Structures are given as C-alpha cells and as structure tokens.
C-alpha cells in the first residue's frame, strides 16, 4: 500500500501482498530481491502493493540500520513491513494478511519457511481466500534440486500430498522454468510465464560499450560474482583454472553465505600449483556491480541453475562476455556471440572455453563485447516484459474501492 497500510482507507487499486525474504535496501541475496522490487515499482500505478520482508540483510550484522523494523513504512511505491525476528511467527503473518486484505498474495520462493510455506498455509485457512502466485526463482531447476536432494524431495512429496501445487498459480520467469515446474508438479498445474524485471539497470547504460581494450598476448582477467553457495558453483571455476593455458587470473566476488562451502573452495585454491591465480574481491554493492564487471574480460558463472540470472544481464550490460551454466534461460548467448553455455559439472569444458577466449585477438574480443552489450539492450527493451507481468496479476484481481 503505497500511501497508508490502514485497511480503512479507501482503495482504488487491487491490493497485493508480497512475501519475500529480501527486499531493498537489502542486496546481498542477489537477483530475487531485485526481481520483486522491480516488479512492484513497475506495476505500482495499477496495484496496491504491501511487502512483508526481513529486516536482515547480513544475518551476522543485525537489523539494517536504514529500516524501521516491526512497523509499516514506505520504500519506493510500496508499504513495507520489515520483520525484526529471524523466524516470523504464524500469528504475525495472519495479522498482516488481515491488515492488508489482499486479493493476491505473491510468494517469492518455494522452500522459504517464514516467507513462503507459512503464508501459503495461512492463506488456505482464510474464509475469503486470496489468490496465490508463487515464483520458485529457479529452485526447481534440475541442478538446484540436486542440492539437499532428499530433503527437497520429501518436501515436494508433502506439498503434492496436500495439493498445494494446485492451490497456486506458478510464476515462471521463462518457458524453460515453466518446463521445470511441470516436470516436478505435472503439466496440469496453472502457470504464467512472465520474464523477471530489472529496475534502473538501463538508466545508467552508455550509448555504446567500450570495445578498444588492448590485450597482452593470451592474457585474460576473469571474474565470478555471486553469492558463495553450492548452487552458484564457484568451485567448478576454481577447478578449471589449473587447466587453462595462458595467462588468466580469476577474481571471486560476492557475499560468503555458506562458510563450510567457502572453506572447501579455499582448500581447492591452496592446493593449486599457483594459488595466486585466484583472489577474493569481497562484496560488491548493488549499484556498483555493472561498473565492477566492466573491469574484466570474461565473466565465468558455472551456476547449477537460474530462473533468470540478473548478474548475467549485468555482465552483458557492462560489455563483458559470459560463460554460464546450461541450466539457465540464456540460450541465446552463443547464437548472438555474447558468450558460451557450459556443463557446470565439467571443469575441463569450462577451461576449454576460457582458453578459446584467451586465444582471441583484440578484434574478436571487441566483437564479443559489442554482442554482449547489444543482447543486454535487447532484453532490457523487451516491450512484452511489463505486459506479461501485468496480465499475471490482472488475471487474479478486479478494481474495487472499500
């Protein structure tokens, strides 16, 4: 609710309540937070959004200082509730739903207990039951499902048993993700394909990308930027580095969410013949990502699965070509000349693609940078992006006033 979360205030727009683990000013959890924020901002003129989220970005640092936890406040064009407890209780969720009286509840995850599972279960007990749209955000990709496989399969079995998969409309970011949803829950489930939105990225793009970056022999500066978790699979990039001929160095950047996994990665680096080939560059603020990626020759991202992959778009917008895992929607990379798809479980294949890039002369690299930038422009200027998201909500709402 952009103006006042008081349900007594007259409404002229259909109310939508969003539950999401992360929302700006938080940024450490990457693409899903940016996706839902862009969605809210793009459609705020037509729908009355209330967002329920966590007041934590880095769990070890406590509540974000710039937010007002435990009360409604305004961020952008939405009323936002920043929950101050690490695990939000069911009674709070029920109370917030009573206050916001949504026609639609939008869930930005499948497996999140406080911000997806509990809200979904509670909506099923409401007498005037709202429609529920659920965005799994790549959680049902084959690669993602290999992580904590038994636990996820047990959850999915219970989810199906309770017929919750039929109680929602699935928001698939691409036809590729729609196929993932139908593979897990069957082709008869309701789904709507609407590409993820991205707010503000095209505002800062130049008219053209710098293409005259001179190289020195077969050298290349490589970068991996994402959350340090098993799904993003930086370990495969690390394993590829000793297999690369030529002078290639890898910078790893992003928040370390899984310390056990990061220790494993550090051990891999320490056991390399030349550990100096890889360095950790820390966390990059969201508004500096494009400029940061633009400093490198090639973005190496062997993720096990993405429903969209905002960081891929950011790299392309910077004019930095990409190597990305196959289980993503970026199938057009190779056809456009903006990068390559890889088997994320095969470090040798990744290394061969890096070697292919390092062997290119300046003119060939310039063509790849220009192709990357053009592809980013094409995606950002897609006229169907907002329309498809709008129609998803319109299918479940009606104009009304209290």
Protein backbone atom coordinates (compact mmCIF):
# COMPACT_ATOMS: atom_id res chain seq x y z
CA UNK A 1 0.00 0.00 0.00
CA UNK A 2 1.87 3.00 -1.21
CA UNK A 3 0.09 5.62 0.86
CA UNK A 4 -1.28 4.03 4.03
CA UNK A 5 -1.48 0.41 5.21
CA UNK A 6 -4.66 1.14 7.19
CA UNK A 7 -7.36 -1.14 5.69
CA UNK A 8 -10.00 1.54 6.43
CA UNK A 9 -8.51 3.82 3.78
CA UNK A 10 -10.47 3.75 0.52
CA UNK A 11 -8.75 1.75 -2.20
CA UNK A 12 -8.94 2.30 -5.90
CA UNK A 13 -6.32 -0.29 -6.88
CA UNK A 14 -6.41 -4.08 -6.27
CA UNK A 15 -4.30 -4.91 -3.19
CA UNK A 16 -1.41 -7.35 -3.50
CA UNK A 17 0.64 -8.59 -0.53
CA UNK A 18 4.16 -9.81 -1.28
CA UNK A 19 6.18 -12.11 0.98
CA UNK A 20 9.89 -12.16 0.23
CA UNK A 21 12.95 -12.93 2.34
CA UNK A 22 14.87 -9.96 0.93
CA UNK A 23 13.84 -6.53 -0.33
CA UNK A 24 15.76 -3.27 -0.77
CA UNK A 25 17.72 -1.74 0.76
CA UNK A 26 18.91 -5.35 1.25
CA UNK A 27 21.05 -6.58 -1.66
CA UNK A 28 23.21 -9.49 -0.51
CA UNK A 29 20.74 -12.18 -1.60
CA UNK A 30 21.03 -11.12 -5.23
CA UNK A 31 18.55 -11.43 -8.07
CA UNK A 32 15.27 -12.49 -6.37
CA UNK A 33 15.18 -9.33 -4.25
CA UNK A 34 15.85 -7.14 -7.28
CA UNK A 35 13.24 -9.02 -9.31
CA UNK A 36 10.40 -8.49 -6.86
CA UNK A 37 11.37 -4.85 -6.24
CA UNK A 38 11.37 -4.16 -9.97
CA UNK A 39 8.00 -5.89 -10.27
CA UNK A 40 6.48 -3.74 -7.53
CA UNK A 41 7.86 -0.50 -8.93
CA UNK A 42 6.78 -1.27 -12.49
CA UNK A 43 3.18 -2.08 -11.55
CA UNK A 44 2.63 0.23 -8.56
CA UNK A 45 0.40 2.57 -10.58
CA UNK A 46 -2.07 -0.26 -11.13
CA UNK A 47 -1.86 -2.39 -7.98
CA UNK A 48 -1.58 -1.52 -4.30
CA UNK A 49 1.49 -3.38 -3.04
CA UNK A 50 2.32 -4.27 0.54
CA UNK A 51 5.63 -6.09 1.03
CA UNK A 52 6.47 -8.30 4.02
CA UNK A 53 10.18 -8.95 4.28
CA UNK A 54 13.08 -9.39 6.70
CA UNK A 55 14.90 -6.52 8.35
CA UNK A 56 18.15 -8.51 7.99
CA UNK A 57 20.47 -8.46 5.01
CA UNK A 58 23.58 -9.93 6.63
CA UNK A 59 22.32 -12.12 9.49
CA UNK A 60 25.57 -11.62 11.41
CA UNK A 61 25.26 -7.83 11.28
CA UNK A 62 21.79 -7.49 12.78
CA UNK A 63 18.90 -5.37 11.54
CA UNK A 64 19.61 -2.97 8.67
CA UNK A 65 20.10 0.47 10.19
CA UNK A 66 18.17 2.29 7.46
CA UNK A 67 14.85 0.47 8.02
CA UNK A 68 12.12 0.66 10.68
CA UNK A 69 11.56 -2.91 11.87
CA UNK A 70 8.26 -4.14 13.24
CA UNK A 71 6.09 -1.43 11.62
CA UNK A 72 4.78 -0.37 8.25
CA UNK A 73 6.94 2.12 6.37
CA UNK A 74 7.24 3.33 2.79
CA UNK A 75 10.00 2.21 0.41
CA UNK A 76 9.61 3.34 -3.17
CA UNK A 77 5.97 2.84 -4.13
CA UNK A 78 5.08 0.15 -1.59
CA UNK A 79 4.26 -0.14 2.08
CA UNK A 80 6.89 -2.44 3.57
CA UNK A 81 6.91 -4.42 6.81
CA UNK A 82 10.49 -5.25 7.85
CA UNK A 83 10.16 -8.19 10.26
CA UNK A 84 12.60 -7.90 13.18
CA UNK A 85 12.58 -11.60 14.17
CA UNK A 86 14.72 -14.07 12.28
CA UNK A 87 11.79 -16.50 12.12
CA UNK A 88 8.48 -14.72 11.66
CA UNK A 89 5.66 -16.41 13.64
CA UNK A 90 2.41 -17.54 12.06
CA UNK A 91 0.35 -15.14 14.17
CA UNK A 92 2.24 -12.16 12.71
CA UNK A 93 1.68 -13.42 9.17
CA UNK A 94 -2.03 -13.88 9.87
CA UNK A 95 -2.29 -10.38 11.35
CA UNK A 96 -0.52 -8.76 8.40
CA UNK A 97 -2.84 -10.54 5.99
CA UNK A 98 -5.85 -9.29 7.95
CA UNK A 99 -4.47 -5.75 7.80
CA UNK A 100 -3.66 -5.75 4.09
CA UNK A 101 -6.73 -7.73 2.90
CA UNK A 102 -5.07 -8.77 -0.36
CA UNK A 103 -6.80 -10.04 -3.44
CA UNK A 104 -3.48 -11.65 -4.37
CA UNK A 105 -0.64 -13.00 -2.23
CA UNK A 106 2.67 -13.18 -4.10
CA UNK A 107 5.35 -15.55 -2.75
CA UNK A 108 8.94 -15.07 -3.90
CA UNK A 109 10.17 -18.59 -3.10
CA UNK A 110 9.00 -22.17 -2.72
CA UNK A 111 11.19 -23.52 0.09
CA UNK A 112 11.39 -20.50 2.44
CA UNK A 113 9.58 -21.39 5.69
CA UNK A 114 8.64 -17.93 7.01
CA UNK A 115 8.16 -16.13 3.70
CA UNK A 116 6.55 -18.86 1.56
CA UNK A 117 5.40 -22.02 3.34
CA UNK A 118 3.67 -20.40 6.33
CA UNK A 119 1.98 -17.63 4.30
CA UNK A 120 0.70 -20.22 1.82
CA UNK A 121 -0.70 -22.45 4.56
CA UNK A 122 -2.35 -19.49 6.29
CA UNK A 123 -3.99 -18.26 3.06
CA UNK A 124 -5.66 -21.66 2.77
CA UNK A 125 -7.43 -21.11 6.09
CA UNK A 126 -8.78 -17.63 5.30
CA UNK A 127 -12.54 -17.54 4.72
CA UNK A 128 -12.22 -15.05 1.85
CA UNK A 129 -9.25 -16.82 0.36
CA UNK A 130 -6.94 -14.67 -1.81
CA UNK A 131 -5.35 -15.95 -4.98
CA UNK A 132 -1.73 -17.02 -4.53
CA UNK A 133 1.01 -16.57 -7.11
CA UNK A 134 4.25 -18.41 -6.32
CA UNK A 135 7.58 -17.69 -8.01
CA UNK A 136 10.07 -20.54 -7.39
CA UNK A 137 13.00 -18.44 -8.70
CA UNK A 138 14.95 -21.33 -10.16
CA UNK A 139 14.53 -23.58 -7.11
CA UNK A 140 13.01 -26.33 -9.29
CA UNK A 141 15.79 -26.48 -11.87
CA UNK A 142 17.45 -29.91 -12.08
CA UNK A 143 20.74 -28.51 -10.86
CA UNK A 144 19.18 -26.78 -7.86
CA UNK A 145 17.27 -29.92 -6.89
CA UNK A 146 20.49 -31.93 -6.66
CA UNK A 147 21.45 -29.87 -3.60
CA UNK A 148 19.92 -31.24 -0.37
CA UNK A 149 18.16 -33.68 -2.68
CA UNK A 150 16.44 -35.90 -0.12
CA UNK A 151 15.13 -33.03 1.96
CA UNK A 152 13.72 -31.27 -1.11
CA UNK A 153 12.15 -34.44 -2.49
CA UNK A 154 10.44 -35.08 0.84
CA UNK A 155 9.13 -31.52 0.89
CA UNK A 156 7.83 -31.79 -2.67
CA UNK A 157 6.10 -35.08 -1.85
CA UNK A 158 4.26 -33.49 1.10
CA UNK A 159 3.49 -30.38 -0.96
CA UNK A 160 1.85 -32.56 -3.60
CA UNK A 161 0.05 -34.69 -1.00
CA UNK A 162 -1.56 -31.56 0.45
CA UNK A 163 -2.39 -30.47 -3.12
CA UNK A 164 -0.72 -27.14 -2.52
CA UNK A 165 0.77 -27.25 -6.01
CA UNK A 166 -2.80 -26.81 -7.28
CA UNK A 167 -3.59 -24.03 -4.80
CA UNK A 168 -1.25 -21.58 -6.52
CA UNK A 169 -0.56 -20.06 -9.90
CA UNK A 170 3.10 -20.62 -10.67
CA UNK A 171 5.08 -17.62 -11.90
CA UNK A 172 7.64 -18.96 -14.36
CA UNK A 173 10.24 -16.43 -15.48
CA UNK A 174 10.73 -18.23 -18.79
CA UNK A 175 9.31 -21.16 -20.75
CA UNK A 176 12.41 -23.01 -19.55
CA UNK A 177 11.31 -22.56 -15.93
CA UNK A 178 7.72 -23.45 -16.83
CA UNK A 179 9.05 -26.80 -18.05
CA UNK A 180 10.89 -27.26 -14.73
CA UNK A 181 7.67 -26.61 -12.78
CA UNK A 182 5.66 -29.02 -14.92
CA UNK A 183 8.35 -31.71 -14.67
CA UNK A 184 8.07 -31.62 -10.87
CA UNK A 185 4.34 -30.95 -10.35
CA UNK A 186 2.72 -32.07 -13.61
CA UNK A 187 1.56 -30.36 -16.78
CA UNK A 188 -1.91 -29.65 -15.39
CA UNK A 189 -0.77 -27.02 -12.87
CA UNK A 190 -1.65 -23.38 -13.50
CA UNK A 191 1.34 -21.31 -14.60
CA UNK A 192 2.04 -17.95 -16.17
CA UNK A 193 5.25 -17.06 -18.00
CA UNK A 194 6.48 -13.52 -17.28
CA UNK A 195 10.14 -12.58 -17.54
CA UNK A 196 11.87 -11.13 -14.49
CA UNK A 197 12.04 -7.35 -14.48
CA UNK A 198 15.05 -5.25 -13.60
CA UNK A 199 14.66 -1.66 -12.39
CA UNK A 200 17.25 1.02 -13.08
CA UNK A 201 19.84 -1.02 -14.99
CA UNK A 202 19.17 0.60 -18.34
CA UNK A 203 19.20 4.11 -16.83
CA UNK A 204 22.96 4.13 -16.50
CA UNK A 205 23.90 2.41 -19.75
CA UNK A 206 26.01 4.33 -22.20
CA UNK A 207 25.01 4.60 -25.85
CA UNK A 208 27.74 2.12 -26.73
CA UNK A 209 30.21 -0.10 -24.95
CA UNK A 210 33.97 0.37 -24.85
CA UNK A 211 35.49 -2.04 -27.33
CA UNK A 212 39.11 -0.92 -27.56
CA UNK A 213 40.53 -2.78 -24.57
CA UNK A 214 44.01 -3.91 -25.66
CA UNK A 215 45.23 -7.36 -24.60
CA UNK A 216 48.69 -8.60 -23.87
CA UNK A 217 49.25 -11.92 -25.58
CA UNK A 218 46.90 -14.63 -24.33
CA UNK A 219 46.06 -12.97 -21.01
CA UNK A 220 42.55 -12.55 -19.60
CA UNK A 221 41.05 -11.18 -16.43
CA UNK A 222 38.19 -13.43 -15.30
CA UNK A 223 35.53 -12.76 -12.70
CA UNK A 224 32.93 -14.74 -10.76
CA UNK A 225 30.33 -12.63 -8.96
CA UNK A 226 27.51 -14.18 -6.97
CA UNK A 227 26.60 -15.47 -3.54
CA UNK A 228 29.12 -18.03 -2.32
CA UNK A 229 26.82 -21.05 -2.03
CA UNK A 230 26.92 -24.52 -3.62
CA UNK A 231 24.21 -23.70 -6.19
CA UNK A 232 26.31 -20.91 -7.72
CA UNK A 233 29.15 -23.44 -8.07
CA UNK A 234 32.26 -21.27 -7.92
CA UNK A 235 34.20 -24.45 -7.10
CA UNK A 236 33.89 -25.51 -10.75
CA UNK A 237 35.52 -22.25 -11.87
CA UNK A 238 38.31 -22.79 -9.35
CA UNK A 239 38.90 -26.34 -10.61
CA UNK A 240 39.03 -25.06 -14.19
CA UNK A 241 41.82 -22.56 -13.58
CA UNK A 242 44.78 -25.01 -13.41
CA UNK A 243 43.59 -26.50 -16.73
CA UNK A 244 43.79 -23.17 -18.59
CA UNK A 245 46.80 -22.49 -20.81
CA UNK A 246 47.89 -18.88 -20.96
CA UNK A 247 47.81 -16.02 -18.52
CA UNK A 248 44.37 -16.00 -16.91
CA UNK A 249 43.52 -14.73 -13.44
CA UNK A 250 40.21 -15.16 -11.61
CA UNK A 251 38.66 -12.71 -9.14
CA UNK A 252 35.87 -14.13 -6.97
CA UNK A 253 33.41 -11.62 -5.52
CA UNK A 254 30.18 -11.88 -3.57
CA UNK A 255 28.88 -12.48 -0.05
CA UNK A 256 30.05 -15.67 1.68
CA UNK A 257 26.76 -17.23 2.76
CA UNK A 258 27.96 -20.81 3.21
CA UNK A 259 31.18 -20.75 5.21
CA UNK A 260 31.64 -24.53 5.02
CA UNK A 261 31.47 -24.39 1.23
CA UNK A 262 33.86 -21.42 1.12
CA UNK A 263 36.39 -23.34 3.25
CA UNK A 264 36.19 -26.12 0.67
CA UNK A 265 36.85 -23.56 -2.08
CA UNK A 266 39.82 -22.12 -0.19
CA UNK A 267 41.26 -25.62 0.13
CA UNK A 268 40.96 -26.09 -3.64
CA UNK A 269 42.81 -22.81 -4.19
CA UNK A 270 45.52 -23.66 -1.67
CA UNK A 271 46.19 -26.98 -3.43
CA UNK A 272 46.75 -25.31 -6.81
CA UNK A 273 50.30 -25.10 -8.16
CA UNK A 274 49.85 -21.31 -8.31
CA UNK A 275 47.25 -20.12 -5.78
CA UNK A 276 47.98 -16.53 -6.84
CA UNK A 277 45.86 -17.10 -9.95
CA UNK A 278 42.74 -16.62 -7.83
CA UNK A 279 41.84 -13.89 -5.35
CA UNK A 280 38.74 -12.93 -3.40
CA UNK A 281 37.46 -9.41 -4.14
CA UNK A 282 34.85 -9.06 -1.39
CA UNK A 283 31.24 -7.93 -1.61
CA UNK A 284 30.20 -5.50 -4.35
CA UNK A 285 27.34 -3.06 -3.59
CA UNK A 286 24.36 -3.49 -5.89
CA UNK A 287 24.75 -0.08 -7.53
CA UNK A 288 28.40 -0.78 -8.38
CA UNK A 289 28.00 -4.24 -9.95
CA UNK A 290 27.92 -3.18 -13.62
CA UNK A 291 30.96 -0.94 -13.27
CA UNK A 292 32.79 -3.70 -11.37
CA UNK A 293 32.05 -6.35 -14.00
CA UNK A 294 33.12 -3.94 -16.73
CA UNK A 295 36.68 -4.08 -15.41
CA UNK A 296 37.07 -7.72 -16.50
CA UNK A 297 37.43 -9.52 -19.82
CA UNK A 298 35.17 -12.50 -19.13
CA UNK A 299 32.52 -13.46 -16.57
CA UNK A 300 32.68 -17.14 -15.55
CA UNK A 301 29.46 -18.31 -13.90
CA UNK A 302 29.06 -22.13 -13.79
CA UNK A 303 25.81 -21.95 -11.84
CA UNK A 304 23.81 -25.15 -11.41
CA UNK A 305 20.59 -23.35 -12.30
CA UNK A 306 18.96 -19.94 -12.61
CA UNK A 307 15.40 -18.95 -13.39
CA UNK A 308 16.80 -15.73 -14.88
CA UNK A 309 20.26 -14.70 -13.68
CA UNK A 310 20.35 -10.96 -13.06
CA UNK A 311 24.11 -10.99 -12.75
CA UNK A 312 24.36 -12.37 -16.30
CA UNK A 313 22.34 -9.41 -17.56
CA UNK A 314 24.55 -7.05 -15.54
CA UNK A 315 27.67 -8.53 -17.07
CA UNK A 316 26.26 -8.21 -20.57
CA UNK A 317 25.26 -4.60 -19.82
CA UNK A 318 28.87 -3.96 -18.86
CA UNK A 319 30.02 -5.38 -22.20
CA UNK A 320 31.65 -8.36 -20.51
CA UNK A 321 31.05 -11.71 -22.28
CA UNK A 322 29.81 -14.66 -20.24
CA UNK A 323 30.40 -18.35 -19.68
CA UNK A 324 27.29 -19.62 -17.88
CA UNK A 325 25.82 -22.97 -16.87
CA UNK A 326 23.40 -24.55 -19.35
CA UNK A 327 20.50 -24.73 -16.89
CA UNK A 328 19.63 -21.05 -17.32
CA UNK A 329 17.43 -19.14 -19.78
CA UNK A 330 20.45 -17.58 -21.54
CA UNK A 331 20.30 -19.95 -24.51
CA UNK A 332 20.87 -17.11 -26.99
CA UNK A 333 24.40 -16.34 -25.76
CA UNK A 334 26.20 -18.46 -28.32
CA UNK A 335 23.98 -17.54 -31.27
CA UNK A 336 24.49 -13.83 -30.57
CA UNK A 337 28.23 -14.17 -29.99
CA UNK A 338 27.98 -12.83 -26.42
CA UNK A 339 29.38 -15.89 -24.68
CA UNK A 340 29.07 -19.63 -24.19
CA UNK A 341 26.99 -22.19 -22.31
CA UNK A 342 28.86 -24.81 -20.31
CA UNK A 343 28.31 -28.03 -18.42
CA UNK A 344 28.73 -26.64 -14.88
CA UNK A 345 29.88 -30.02 -13.58
CA UNK A 346 32.77 -30.25 -16.08
CA UNK A 347 35.77 -28.03 -15.17
CA UNK A 348 37.66 -29.14 -18.28
CA UNK A 349 34.88 -27.88 -20.55
CA UNK A 350 34.93 -24.56 -18.69
CA UNK A 351 38.71 -24.40 -19.04
CA UNK A 352 38.47 -25.10 -22.79
CA UNK A 353 36.03 -22.21 -23.22
CA UNK A 354 38.35 -19.90 -21.26
CA UNK A 355 41.23 -21.00 -23.48
CA UNK A 356 39.10 -20.28 -26.55
CA UNK A 357 38.58 -16.76 -25.27
CA UNK A 358 42.22 -16.14 -24.33
CA UNK A 359 43.32 -17.20 -27.82
CA UNK A 360 41.20 -14.45 -29.43
CA UNK A 361 42.79 -11.32 -30.81
CA UNK A 362 41.65 -7.81 -29.87
CA UNK A 363 39.18 -7.55 -32.76
CA UNK A 364 37.42 -10.80 -31.87
CA UNK A 365 37.14 -9.78 -28.23
CA UNK A 366 35.76 -6.40 -29.22
CA UNK A 367 33.06 -8.14 -31.26
CA UNK A 368 32.10 -10.25 -28.23
CA UNK A 369 31.89 -7.16 -26.01
CA UNK A 370 29.67 -5.40 -28.52
CA UNK A 371 27.48 -8.50 -28.86
CA UNK A 372 27.14 -8.73 -25.08
CA UNK A 373 26.05 -5.12 -24.84
CA UNK A 374 23.55 -5.46 -27.70
CA UNK A 375 21.98 -8.52 -26.07
CA UNK A 376 21.57 -6.64 -22.77
CA UNK A 377 19.89 -3.78 -24.62
CA UNK A 378 17.55 -6.21 -26.36
CA UNK A 379 16.48 -7.84 -23.10
CA UNK A 380 16.03 -4.53 -21.27
CA UNK A 381 13.95 -3.06 -24.08
CA UNK A 382 11.64 -6.06 -24.46
CA UNK A 383 8.13 -4.48 -24.64
CA UNK A 384 6.47 -7.71 -23.52
CA UNK A 385 8.26 -7.85 -20.16
CA UNK A 386 6.00 -5.50 -18.19
CA UNK A 387 2.87 -6.52 -20.10
CA UNK A 388 3.28 -10.20 -19.23
CA UNK A 389 3.77 -9.41 -15.54
CA UNK A 390 0.78 -7.05 -15.55
CA UNK A 391 -1.51 -9.64 -17.11
CA UNK A 392 -0.46 -12.19 -14.48
CA UNK A 393 -1.89 -10.01 -11.71
CA UNK A 394 -4.86 -8.79 -13.73
CA UNK A 395 -6.00 -12.39 -14.13
CA UNK A 396 -6.48 -12.60 -10.34
CA UNK A 397 -7.72 -9.14 -9.42
CA UNK A 398 -10.58 -6.75 -10.03
CA UNK A 399 -10.86 -2.98 -9.49
CA UNK A 400 -12.69 -2.06 -6.32
CA UNK A 401 -12.97 0.51 -3.56
CA UNK A 402 -13.55 -0.08 0.15
